[in-house]
N, C-alpha and C. Protein backbone atom coordinates (compact mmCIF):
# COMPACT_ATOMS: atom_id res chain seq x y z
N MET A 1 1.03 -0.99 0.18
CA MET A 1 0.26 0.08 -0.18
C MET A 1 0.80 1.09 0.04
N GLN A 2 1.81 1.19 0.30
CA GLN A 2 3.07 2.24 0.95
C GLN A 2 3.41 3.10 -0.46
N VAL A 3 3.81 1.44 -1.33
CA VAL A 3 4.24 1.95 -2.90
C VAL A 3 2.94 2.38 -3.63
N GLN A 4 1.81 1.95 -3.61
CA GLN A 4 1.00 2.56 -4.49
C GLN A 4 0.60 3.84 -4.08
N ASN A 5 0.52 4.34 -2.54
CA ASN A 5 0.05 5.75 -2.16
C ASN A 5 1.43 6.40 -2.19
N GLY A 6 2.30 6.10 -3.00
CA GLY A 6 3.70 6.75 -3.08
C GLY A 6 4.83 7.27 -2.04
N ASN A 7 4.32 6.67 -0.92
CA ASN A 7 4.97 6.59 0.26
C ASN A 7 6.34 6.12 0.17
N ALA A 8 6.36 5.14 -0.14
CA ALA A 8 7.64 4.34 -0.76
C ALA A 8 8.06 4.08 -1.91
N GLN A 9 9.16 4.00 -2.58
CA GLN A 9 9.60 3.37 -3.98
C GLN A 9 9.57 1.67 -4.30
N ILE A 10 9.83 1.25 -3.08
CA ILE A 10 9.82 -0.24 -3.30
C ILE A 10 9.56 -0.95 -2.00
N GLY A 11 8.84 -2.02 -2.25
CA GLY A 11 8.47 -2.93 -1.17
C GLY A 11 8.39 -4.50 -1.53
N GLY A 12 8.41 -5.15 -0.50
CA GLY A 12 8.31 -6.63 -0.52
C GLY A 12 7.06 -7.15 -0.16
N LEU A 13 6.61 -7.96 -0.80
CA LEU A 13 5.48 -8.61 -0.45
C LEU A 13 4.81 -10.34 -1.17
N SER A 14 4.45 -11.26 -0.04
CA SER A 14 4.28 -12.43 -0.49
C SER A 14 3.50 -12.41 -2.04
N LEU A 15 3.63 -13.13 -2.81
CA LEU A 15 2.98 -13.54 -4.12
C LEU A 15 1.51 -13.84 -3.94
N PRO A 16 1.45 -14.61 -3.30
CA PRO A 16 -0.08 -15.31 -2.83
C PRO A 16 -1.14 -13.81 -2.16
N ILE A 17 -0.56 -13.02 -1.39
CA ILE A 17 -1.18 -11.99 -0.77
C ILE A 17 -1.23 -10.68 -1.94
N TYR A 18 -0.23 -10.70 -2.55
CA TYR A 18 -0.26 -9.76 -3.65
C TYR A 18 -1.26 -10.12 -4.79
N ASN A 19 -1.07 -11.12 -4.80
CA ASN A 19 -2.59 -11.54 -5.82
C ASN A 19 -3.97 -11.12 -5.42
N SER A 20 -4.13 -11.96 -4.24
CA SER A 20 -5.24 -11.56 -3.62
C SER A 20 -5.81 -10.29 -3.37
N MET A 21 -4.71 -9.08 -3.10
CA MET A 21 -5.03 -7.81 -3.04
C MET A 21 -5.50 -7.29 -4.33
N VAL A 22 -4.91 -7.44 -5.51
CA VAL A 22 -5.27 -7.05 -6.48
C VAL A 22 -6.86 -7.90 -7.13
N ALA A 23 -6.90 -9.02 -6.35
CA ALA A 23 -8.15 -9.59 -7.10
C ALA A 23 -9.27 -8.88 -6.29
N ARG A 24 -8.84 -8.18 -5.08
CA ARG A 24 -10.11 -7.43 -4.22
C ARG A 24 -10.01 -6.01 -4.63
N GLY A 25 -9.27 -5.44 -5.67
CA GLY A 25 -9.12 -3.92 -5.85
C GLY A 25 -8.15 -3.31 -5.02
N THR A 26 -7.70 -4.13 -3.93
CA THR A 26 -6.97 -3.22 -3.23
C THR A 26 -5.59 -2.43 -3.70
N ILE A 27 -5.11 -3.53 -4.48
CA ILE A 27 -3.55 -2.87 -5.28
C ILE A 27 -4.31 -3.28 -6.73
N ASP A 28 -3.46 -1.82 -7.58
CA ASP A 28 -3.74 -1.39 -8.93
C ASP A 28 -2.64 -2.02 -9.27
N PRO A 29 -2.43 -3.04 -10.37
CA PRO A 29 -1.41 -3.41 -10.84
C PRO A 29 -0.88 -2.78 -11.80
N LYS A 30 -1.43 -1.57 -12.27
CA LYS A 30 -1.03 -0.83 -13.04
C LYS A 30 0.30 0.37 -12.16
N LYS A 31 -0.21 0.40 -11.11
CA LYS A 31 0.59 1.48 -9.97
C LYS A 31 1.69 0.18 -9.20
N VAL A 32 1.52 -0.63 -9.17
CA VAL A 32 2.36 -1.23 -8.37
C VAL A 32 3.09 -2.67 -9.23
N ILE A 33 3.97 -2.67 -9.85
CA ILE A 33 4.52 -3.82 -10.44
C ILE A 33 5.63 -4.88 -9.65
N ALA A 34 5.77 -6.01 -10.11
CA ALA A 34 6.59 -7.06 -9.31
C ALA A 34 7.88 -6.71 -10.11
N LEU A 35 8.97 -6.59 -9.54
CA LEU A 35 10.29 -6.55 -10.41
C LEU A 35 11.03 -7.65 -10.34
N ALA A 36 10.86 -8.71 -9.31
CA ALA A 36 11.18 -9.98 -8.99
C ALA A 36 10.51 -10.78 -8.59
N GLU A 37 10.72 -12.33 -8.28
CA GLU A 37 10.14 -13.15 -7.87
C GLU A 37 10.83 -14.13 -7.05
N SER A 38 10.95 -14.36 -5.59
CA SER A 38 12.01 -15.20 -5.24
C SER A 38 11.13 -16.85 -5.13
N ASP A 39 12.17 -17.81 -5.33
CA ASP A 39 11.52 -18.85 -5.31
C ASP A 39 10.74 -19.02 -4.00
N PRO A 40 9.75 -20.01 -4.17
CA PRO A 40 8.55 -20.25 -2.96
C PRO A 40 9.41 -20.69 -1.45
N PHE A 41 8.87 -20.16 -0.66
CA PHE A 41 9.28 -20.54 0.62
C PHE A 41 8.01 -20.68 1.62
N PRO A 42 8.39 -21.70 2.64
CA PRO A 42 7.03 -21.89 3.77
C PRO A 42 6.88 -20.62 4.43
N GLN A 43 5.38 -20.57 4.22
CA GLN A 43 4.74 -19.39 5.21
C GLN A 43 4.35 -19.99 6.28
N TYR A 44 3.77 -19.17 7.09
CA TYR A 44 2.92 -19.36 8.15
C TYR A 44 3.53 -20.90 9.33
N PRO A 45 4.76 -20.85 9.42
CA PRO A 45 5.02 -22.11 10.09
C PRO A 45 4.39 -22.39 11.69
N TRP A 46 3.98 -23.81 11.75
CA TRP A 46 3.76 -24.20 12.88
C TRP A 46 5.05 -24.71 13.42
N THR A 47 5.41 -24.30 14.64
CA THR A 47 7.04 -25.24 15.20
C THR A 47 6.43 -25.68 16.65
N MET A 48 7.53 -26.53 17.05
CA MET A 48 7.24 -26.99 18.54
C MET A 48 8.84 -27.13 18.74
N ARG A 49 8.94 -27.44 20.33
CA ARG A 49 10.20 -27.38 20.90
C ARG A 49 10.95 -28.67 20.52
N SER A 50 12.32 -28.46 20.14
CA SER A 50 13.12 -29.83 19.80
C SER A 50 13.25 -30.73 20.90
N ASP A 51 13.27 -30.22 22.01
CA ASP A 51 13.26 -31.34 23.32
C ASP A 51 12.05 -31.92 23.48
N LEU A 52 10.84 -31.73 22.58
CA LEU A 52 9.68 -32.69 22.99
C LEU A 52 9.92 -34.05 22.94
N ASP A 53 9.36 -34.83 23.69
CA ASP A 53 9.35 -36.37 23.28
C ASP A 53 8.81 -36.57 21.71
N THR A 54 9.72 -37.37 21.44
CA THR A 54 9.33 -38.01 19.88
C THR A 54 8.15 -38.18 19.55
N SER A 55 7.60 -38.87 20.51
CA SER A 55 5.97 -39.63 20.18
C SER A 55 5.34 -38.48 19.88
N LEU A 56 5.45 -37.40 21.09
CA LEU A 56 4.47 -36.42 20.93
C LEU A 56 4.65 -35.41 19.91
N LYS A 57 5.76 -35.17 19.44
CA LYS A 57 6.02 -34.47 18.44
C LYS A 57 5.53 -34.92 16.97
N GLU A 58 5.56 -36.20 17.02
CA GLU A 58 4.91 -37.20 15.83
C GLU A 58 3.32 -36.95 15.67
N ALA A 59 2.88 -37.20 17.01
CA ALA A 59 1.68 -36.99 17.08
C ALA A 59 0.94 -35.53 16.72
N ILE A 60 1.54 -34.51 17.45
CA ILE A 60 1.23 -33.62 16.98
C ILE A 60 1.10 -33.01 15.56
N THR A 61 2.18 -33.66 14.71
CA THR A 61 2.25 -33.53 13.25
C THR A 61 1.25 -34.28 12.92
N LYS A 62 1.04 -35.48 13.10
CA LYS A 62 0.02 -36.15 12.29
C LYS A 62 -1.16 -35.42 12.48
N ALA A 63 -1.58 -35.04 13.85
CA ALA A 63 -3.28 -34.21 13.95
C ALA A 63 -2.89 -32.99 12.64
N PHE A 64 -1.99 -32.46 12.83
CA PHE A 64 -2.11 -31.08 11.76
C PHE A 64 -2.40 -31.57 10.50
N ILE A 65 -1.75 -32.67 10.06
CA ILE A 65 -1.62 -32.93 8.34
C ILE A 65 -2.75 -33.75 8.25
N ASP A 66 -3.39 -34.62 9.16
CA ASP A 66 -4.71 -35.38 9.37
C ASP A 66 -5.67 -34.27 9.16
N LEU A 67 -5.59 -33.25 9.65
CA LEU A 67 -6.84 -32.38 9.92
C LEU A 67 -7.52 -32.00 8.59
N LYS A 68 -8.91 -32.24 8.64
CA LYS A 68 -9.68 -32.09 7.05
C LYS A 68 -11.04 -31.45 7.49
N ASP A 69 -11.08 -31.32 8.71
CA ASP A 69 -12.52 -30.38 9.14
C ASP A 69 -12.22 -28.72 8.45
N GLU A 70 -13.35 -28.64 7.74
CA GLU A 70 -13.05 -27.35 7.10
C GLU A 70 -13.56 -26.23 7.67
N LYS A 71 -14.58 -26.39 8.99
CA LYS A 71 -14.41 -25.34 9.86
C LYS A 71 -13.68 -24.57 10.54
N VAL A 72 -12.71 -25.84 11.03
CA VAL A 72 -11.50 -25.44 12.03
C VAL A 72 -10.44 -25.22 11.05
N LEU A 73 -10.17 -25.63 9.69
CA LEU A 73 -9.05 -25.01 8.93
C LEU A 73 -9.49 -23.69 8.35
N ALA A 74 -10.85 -23.40 8.45
CA ALA A 74 -11.18 -21.91 8.16
C ALA A 74 -10.80 -21.20 9.42
N SER A 75 -10.62 -21.37 10.50
CA SER A 75 -10.34 -20.57 12.01
C SER A 75 -8.75 -20.42 11.48
N PHE A 76 -7.92 -21.20 10.75
CA PHE A 76 -6.47 -20.79 10.59
C PHE A 76 -6.52 -20.15 9.14
N LYS A 77 -7.50 -19.87 8.71
CA LYS A 77 -7.64 -19.05 6.81
C LYS A 77 -6.55 -20.19 6.31
N ALA A 78 -6.89 -21.63 6.38
CA ALA A 78 -5.92 -22.38 5.56
C ALA A 78 -6.80 -23.53 4.93
N ASP A 79 -6.16 -24.40 3.85
CA ASP A 79 -6.88 -25.48 3.45
C ASP A 79 -6.12 -26.75 3.77
N GLY A 80 -5.38 -26.46 4.54
CA GLY A 80 -4.57 -27.84 5.18
C GLY A 80 -3.25 -27.66 5.66
N PHE A 81 -2.56 -28.68 6.01
CA PHE A 81 -1.24 -28.46 6.66
C PHE A 81 -0.32 -29.33 5.69
N ALA A 82 1.07 -28.88 5.89
CA ALA A 82 1.87 -29.86 5.06
C ALA A 82 3.16 -29.82 5.92
N PRO A 83 4.04 -30.92 6.08
CA PRO A 83 5.12 -30.99 6.89
C PRO A 83 6.29 -30.41 5.72
N ILE A 84 7.26 -29.92 6.33
CA ILE A 84 8.62 -29.01 5.81
C ILE A 84 9.56 -29.65 7.08
N ASP A 85 10.76 -29.32 6.25
CA ASP A 85 12.19 -29.56 7.10
C ASP A 85 12.71 -28.37 7.03
N ASP A 86 13.92 -28.38 7.68
CA ASP A 86 14.92 -27.16 7.85
C ASP A 86 15.25 -26.85 6.31
N LYS A 87 15.51 -27.81 5.57
CA LYS A 87 15.96 -27.29 4.06
C LYS A 87 15.22 -26.35 3.29
N ALA A 88 13.97 -26.77 3.93
CA ALA A 88 12.86 -25.61 2.68
C ALA A 88 13.15 -24.23 3.22
N TYR A 89 13.92 -23.64 4.17
CA TYR A 89 14.36 -22.35 4.30
C TYR A 89 15.73 -22.45 3.91
N ASP A 90 16.27 -23.13 2.91
CA ASP A 90 17.54 -22.65 2.21
C ASP A 90 17.13 -21.37 1.79
N VAL A 91 15.98 -21.57 0.76
CA VAL A 91 15.81 -19.86 0.14
C VAL A 91 15.85 -18.82 0.83
N VAL A 92 15.62 -18.92 1.87
CA VAL A 92 15.29 -17.23 3.00
C VAL A 92 16.74 -17.34 3.36
N ARG A 93 17.78 -18.36 3.18
CA ARG A 93 19.00 -18.08 3.94
C ARG A 93 19.94 -17.45 2.44
N GLU A 94 19.16 -17.80 1.39
CA GLU A 94 20.11 -17.42 0.02
C GLU A 94 19.54 -15.92 -0.10
N LEU A 95 18.50 -15.60 0.28
CA LEU A 95 18.05 -14.27 0.00
C LEU A 95 18.57 -13.21 1.07
N GLY A 96 18.91 -13.84 2.41
CA GLY A 96 19.98 -13.25 3.17
C GLY A 96 20.89 -12.81 2.84
N LYS A 97 21.81 -13.92 2.58
CA LYS A 97 23.08 -13.50 1.46
C LYS A 97 23.02 -12.60 0.64
N VAL A 98 22.27 -12.53 -0.48
CA VAL A 98 22.11 -11.41 -1.22
C VAL A 98 21.47 -9.85 -0.77
N LEU A 99 20.86 -10.05 0.33
CA LEU A 99 20.76 -8.94 1.42
C LEU A 99 21.58 -8.41 1.95
N ASN A 100 22.86 -9.14 1.90
CA ASN A 100 23.55 -9.15 3.09
C ASN A 100 23.29 -9.18 4.49
N LEU A 101 22.45 -9.72 5.09
CA LEU A 101 22.03 -9.75 6.22
C LEU A 101 21.90 -11.19 7.25
N ASP A 102 22.71 -11.04 8.32
CA ASP A 102 23.36 -11.74 9.31
C ASP A 102 21.82 -12.35 9.85
N LEU A 103 21.42 -14.00 9.49
CA LEU A 103 20.30 -14.48 10.11
C LEU A 103 20.76 -15.36 10.95
N SER A 104 21.86 -15.13 11.73
CA SER A 104 22.17 -16.15 12.65
C SER A 104 21.67 -15.59 14.07
N GLN A 105 21.11 -14.34 13.92
CA GLN A 105 20.63 -13.82 15.59
C GLN A 105 19.35 -14.44 15.90
């Protein structure tokens, strides 16, 4: 919105959110253009402590993956959950290098 309103020259935004805002008419694609697009990366992760009992972590993971109740999923604004591992975030680490960011903190 800041770019469209002339308050910023450039900004970053998730492509699904951008597309949703264009579809709703919130963003005018004639005023805001995509300059580049990164590789996809996981969004809205649900995490748990690494020191939890393995069987508990597996049960929690299974509960999320098996969740099919549309009313419950709607409360998350999701249509489902999928497992990921740390490698899925390599794209974020690579973007950090390009932007000269220290992601170790």
